[in-house]
Amino acid sequence: MAATIILKSKEEIHEGWKFFVEIEDKKGKTEHEVILPRVYWAIVTICRVPPEELVRRSIEFLLAREPKESIKKTFYFIQNTLLEVGHFV
């Protein structure tokens, strides 16, 4: 079974959004807090892809390279990180 990514909640914060994400597979589940600054989202997606989609694709990118247990419990998108995720437009 491939991992299932569940966006449990999205909260608007001063700088952008805070997502609570659950990743589940046959070994169990992990929970993660993801901070997505509005500026980073606008640069990477040219405002054409919903923030939820950027978060989902980014987690898929990470899962293709490491187990869910290796993904930080809290991570923050900053410029020059996770840029290999691909083109979003």
N, C-alpha and C. Protein backbone atom coordinates (compact mmCIF):
# COMPACT_ATOMS: atom_id res chain seq x y z
N MET A 1 0.84 -1.18 0.00
CA MET A 1 0.00 0.00 0.00
C MET A 1 0.89 1.25 0.00
N ALA A 2 0.66 2.12 -0.94
CA ALA A 2 1.39 3.39 -0.96
C ALA A 2 0.87 4.27 0.17
N ALA A 3 1.69 5.21 0.55
CA ALA A 3 1.29 6.11 1.62
C ALA A 3 0.12 6.99 1.20
N THR A 4 -0.77 7.23 2.14
CA THR A 4 -1.90 8.13 1.93
C THR A 4 -1.60 9.42 2.67
N ILE A 5 -1.76 10.53 1.96
CA ILE A 5 -1.52 11.85 2.54
C ILE A 5 -2.87 12.49 2.82
N ILE A 6 -3.09 12.83 4.08
CA ILE A 6 -4.35 13.44 4.48
C ILE A 6 -4.08 14.82 5.05
N LEU A 7 -4.64 15.84 4.40
CA LEU A 7 -4.54 17.19 4.94
C LEU A 7 -5.64 17.35 5.97
N LYS A 8 -5.29 17.23 7.24
CA LYS A 8 -6.27 17.22 8.32
C LYS A 8 -6.88 18.60 8.55
N SER A 9 -6.06 19.63 8.45
CA SER A 9 -6.60 20.97 8.64
C SER A 9 -5.67 22.00 8.02
N LYS A 10 -6.24 23.15 7.76
CA LYS A 10 -5.50 24.29 7.20
C LYS A 10 -5.92 25.51 8.01
N GLU A 11 -4.92 26.21 8.51
CA GLU A 11 -5.18 27.40 9.32
C GLU A 11 -4.48 28.60 8.68
N GLU A 12 -5.19 29.67 8.51
CA GLU A 12 -4.59 30.90 7.99
C GLU A 12 -3.80 31.54 9.14
N ILE A 13 -2.54 31.84 8.86
CA ILE A 13 -1.69 32.53 9.84
C ILE A 13 -1.16 33.80 9.21
N HIS A 14 -0.52 34.63 10.00
CA HIS A 14 -0.05 35.94 9.54
C HIS A 14 0.74 35.85 8.23
N GLU A 15 1.66 34.90 8.15
CA GLU A 15 2.55 34.84 6.99
C GLU A 15 2.06 33.93 5.87
N GLY A 16 1.00 33.19 6.10
CA GLY A 16 0.53 32.26 5.09
C GLY A 16 -0.45 31.24 5.67
N TRP A 17 -0.03 29.97 5.66
CA TRP A 17 -0.89 28.90 6.15
C TRP A 17 -0.13 27.90 6.98
N LYS A 18 -0.85 27.28 7.89
CA LYS A 18 -0.32 26.17 8.69
C LYS A 18 -1.21 24.96 8.39
N PHE A 19 -0.60 23.88 7.95
CA PHE A 19 -1.32 22.65 7.65
C PHE A 19 -0.95 21.58 8.66
N PHE A 20 -1.92 20.78 9.04
CA PHE A 20 -1.67 19.58 9.83
C PHE A 20 -1.93 18.41 8.89
N VAL A 21 -0.88 17.62 8.70
CA VAL A 21 -0.90 16.57 7.70
C VAL A 21 -0.64 15.22 8.36
N GLU A 22 -1.36 14.23 7.89
CA GLU A 22 -1.17 12.86 8.36
C GLU A 22 -0.73 12.03 7.16
N ILE A 23 0.30 11.21 7.38
CA ILE A 23 0.77 10.29 6.35
C ILE A 23 0.57 8.89 6.90
N GLU A 24 -0.16 8.08 6.16
CA GLU A 24 -0.48 6.74 6.64
C GLU A 24 -0.10 5.70 5.60
N ASP A 25 0.48 4.61 6.09
CA ASP A 25 0.75 3.46 5.24
C ASP A 25 0.56 2.20 6.08
N LYS A 26 0.96 1.06 5.53
CA LYS A 26 0.71 -0.19 6.25
C LYS A 26 1.48 -0.30 7.57
N LYS A 27 2.50 0.52 7.76
CA LYS A 27 3.29 0.51 9.00
C LYS A 27 2.71 1.43 10.06
N GLY A 28 1.72 2.23 9.71
CA GLY A 28 1.13 3.15 10.68
C GLY A 28 1.02 4.55 10.10
N LYS A 29 1.00 5.53 11.01
CA LYS A 29 0.85 6.91 10.54
C LYS A 29 1.80 7.84 11.28
N THR A 30 2.08 8.96 10.63
CA THR A 30 2.86 10.02 11.24
C THR A 30 2.08 11.31 11.04
N GLU A 31 2.33 12.27 11.92
CA GLU A 31 1.65 13.57 11.84
C GLU A 31 2.70 14.66 11.69
N HIS A 32 2.37 15.66 10.88
CA HIS A 32 3.32 16.71 10.57
C HIS A 32 2.61 18.06 10.55
N GLU A 33 3.34 19.07 10.96
CA GLU A 33 2.86 20.45 10.87
C GLU A 33 3.69 21.11 9.78
N VAL A 34 3.02 21.70 8.80
CA VAL A 34 3.70 22.31 7.66
C VAL A 34 3.32 23.78 7.59
N ILE A 35 4.34 24.64 7.61
CA ILE A 35 4.12 26.08 7.49
C ILE A 35 4.48 26.48 6.06
N LEU A 36 3.52 27.09 5.38
CA LEU A 36 3.72 27.53 4.00
C LEU A 36 3.53 29.04 3.93
N PRO A 37 4.64 29.79 3.83
CA PRO A 37 4.51 31.25 3.70
C PRO A 37 3.84 31.62 2.36
N ARG A 38 3.01 32.60 2.41
CA ARG A 38 2.30 33.08 1.22
C ARG A 38 3.28 33.50 0.12
N VAL A 39 4.38 34.15 0.49
CA VAL A 39 5.37 34.61 -0.48
C VAL A 39 6.00 33.42 -1.21
N TYR A 40 6.37 32.38 -0.46
CA TYR A 40 6.96 31.19 -1.08
C TYR A 40 5.97 30.55 -2.05
N TRP A 41 4.73 30.40 -1.60
CA TRP A 41 3.69 29.81 -2.45
C TRP A 41 3.53 30.61 -3.74
N ALA A 42 3.49 31.95 -3.63
CA ALA A 42 3.31 32.79 -4.81
C ALA A 42 4.47 32.66 -5.79
N ILE A 43 5.68 32.57 -5.28
CA ILE A 43 6.86 32.44 -6.15
C ILE A 43 6.86 31.10 -6.86
N VAL A 44 6.63 30.04 -6.12
CA VAL A 44 6.73 28.69 -6.68
C VAL A 44 5.58 28.36 -7.62
N THR A 45 4.39 28.81 -7.32
CA THR A 45 3.21 28.42 -8.10
C THR A 45 2.68 29.53 -9.00
N ILE A 46 3.25 30.72 -8.89
CA ILE A 46 2.74 31.90 -9.59
C ILE A 46 1.25 32.07 -9.27
N CYS A 47 0.87 31.69 -8.07
CA CYS A 47 -0.51 31.80 -7.57
C CYS A 47 -1.53 31.02 -8.40
N ARG A 48 -1.08 30.02 -9.11
CA ARG A 48 -1.98 29.26 -9.99
C ARG A 48 -2.35 27.88 -9.45
N VAL A 49 -1.73 27.49 -8.37
CA VAL A 49 -1.99 26.18 -7.77
C VAL A 49 -2.39 26.41 -6.32
N PRO A 50 -3.45 25.77 -5.85
CA PRO A 50 -3.85 25.97 -4.46
C PRO A 50 -2.74 25.56 -3.48
N PRO A 51 -2.65 26.24 -2.35
CA PRO A 51 -1.64 25.89 -1.35
C PRO A 51 -1.69 24.42 -0.95
N GLU A 52 -2.89 23.87 -0.86
CA GLU A 52 -3.04 22.46 -0.48
C GLU A 52 -2.33 21.54 -1.48
N GLU A 53 -2.40 21.88 -2.74
CA GLU A 53 -1.76 21.06 -3.77
C GLU A 53 -0.25 21.14 -3.66
N LEU A 54 0.28 22.32 -3.38
CA LEU A 54 1.73 22.46 -3.19
C LEU A 54 2.19 21.61 -2.01
N VAL A 55 1.47 21.65 -0.91
CA VAL A 55 1.83 20.85 0.26
C VAL A 55 1.77 19.35 -0.09
N ARG A 56 0.69 18.93 -0.73
CA ARG A 56 0.53 17.51 -1.08
C ARG A 56 1.66 17.04 -2.00
N ARG A 57 1.95 17.81 -3.05
CA ARG A 57 3.01 17.41 -3.99
C ARG A 57 4.38 17.41 -3.32
N SER A 58 4.60 18.34 -2.42
CA SER A 58 5.88 18.40 -1.71
C SER A 58 6.07 17.17 -0.83
N ILE A 59 5.01 16.75 -0.18
CA ILE A 59 5.11 15.55 0.65
C ILE A 59 5.30 14.31 -0.22
N GLU A 60 4.64 14.26 -1.36
CA GLU A 60 4.86 13.16 -2.30
C GLU A 60 6.33 13.13 -2.73
N PHE A 61 6.89 14.30 -2.99
CA PHE A 61 8.30 14.41 -3.37
C PHE A 61 9.19 13.82 -2.26
N LEU A 62 8.92 14.21 -1.03
CA LEU A 62 9.72 13.71 0.09
C LEU A 62 9.57 12.21 0.25
N LEU A 63 8.34 11.71 0.14
CA LEU A 63 8.09 10.28 0.30
C LEU A 63 8.76 9.44 -0.78
N ALA A 64 8.99 10.01 -1.94
CA ALA A 64 9.69 9.29 -3.00
C ALA A 64 11.18 9.12 -2.68
N ARG A 65 11.65 9.87 -1.69
CA ARG A 65 13.08 9.86 -1.35
C ARG A 65 13.40 9.34 0.04
N GLU A 66 12.39 9.29 0.91
CA GLU A 66 12.64 8.86 2.28
C GLU A 66 11.35 8.33 2.91
N PRO A 67 11.50 7.50 3.94
CA PRO A 67 10.29 7.00 4.61
C PRO A 67 9.60 8.12 5.39
N LYS A 68 8.32 7.95 5.62
CA LYS A 68 7.53 8.98 6.31
C LYS A 68 8.10 9.30 7.68
N GLU A 69 8.71 8.32 8.31
CA GLU A 69 9.27 8.52 9.65
C GLU A 69 10.48 9.47 9.64
N SER A 70 11.09 9.66 8.47
CA SER A 70 12.25 10.55 8.36
C SER A 70 11.86 12.00 8.09
N ILE A 71 10.61 12.22 7.73
CA ILE A 71 10.15 13.58 7.45
C ILE A 71 9.97 14.31 8.78
N LYS A 72 10.50 15.52 8.86
CA LYS A 72 10.41 16.29 10.10
C LYS A 72 8.96 16.45 10.54
N LYS A 73 8.75 16.45 11.82
CA LYS A 73 7.40 16.61 12.38
C LYS A 73 6.86 18.01 12.11
N THR A 74 7.75 18.99 12.06
CA THR A 74 7.36 20.35 11.73
C THR A 74 8.33 20.85 10.68
N PHE A 75 7.81 21.31 9.56
CA PHE A 75 8.71 21.93 8.61
C PHE A 75 8.10 23.16 7.97
N TYR A 76 9.01 24.00 7.52
CA TYR A 76 8.68 25.35 7.08
C TYR A 76 9.25 25.52 5.68
N PHE A 77 8.42 25.85 4.73
CA PHE A 77 8.89 26.10 3.38
C PHE A 77 9.66 27.42 3.36
N ILE A 78 10.88 27.38 2.87
CA ILE A 78 11.63 28.61 2.69
C ILE A 78 12.23 28.60 1.30
N GLN A 79 12.56 29.77 0.80
CA GLN A 79 13.13 29.86 -0.53
C GLN A 79 14.38 28.99 -0.62
N ASN A 80 14.59 28.36 -1.75
CA ASN A 80 15.72 27.48 -2.03
C ASN A 80 15.60 26.12 -1.37
N THR A 81 14.44 25.78 -0.82
CA THR A 81 14.22 24.43 -0.32
C THR A 81 13.05 23.83 -1.04
N LEU A 82 13.08 22.56 -1.23
CA LEU A 82 12.01 21.82 -1.89
C LEU A 82 11.71 22.35 -3.31
N LEU A 83 12.68 22.98 -3.93
CA LEU A 83 12.44 23.52 -5.27
C LEU A 83 12.42 22.41 -6.33
N GLU A 84 12.92 21.23 -6.00
CA GLU A 84 12.89 20.13 -6.95
C GLU A 84 11.50 19.53 -7.09
N VAL A 85 10.57 19.99 -6.34
CA VAL A 85 9.21 19.44 -6.38
C VAL A 85 8.65 19.46 -7.80
N GLY A 86 9.04 20.41 -8.57
CA GLY A 86 8.60 20.47 -9.96
C GLY A 86 7.89 21.76 -10.27
N HIS A 87 7.53 21.88 -11.50
CA HIS A 87 6.79 23.06 -11.92
C HIS A 87 5.33 22.89 -11.59
N PHE A 88 4.73 23.90 -11.04
CA PHE A 88 3.36 23.81 -10.59
C PHE A 88 2.39 24.57 -11.50
N VAL A 89 2.89 25.10 -12.58
CA VAL A 89 1.98 25.85 -13.46
C VAL A 89 1.93 25.20 -14.82
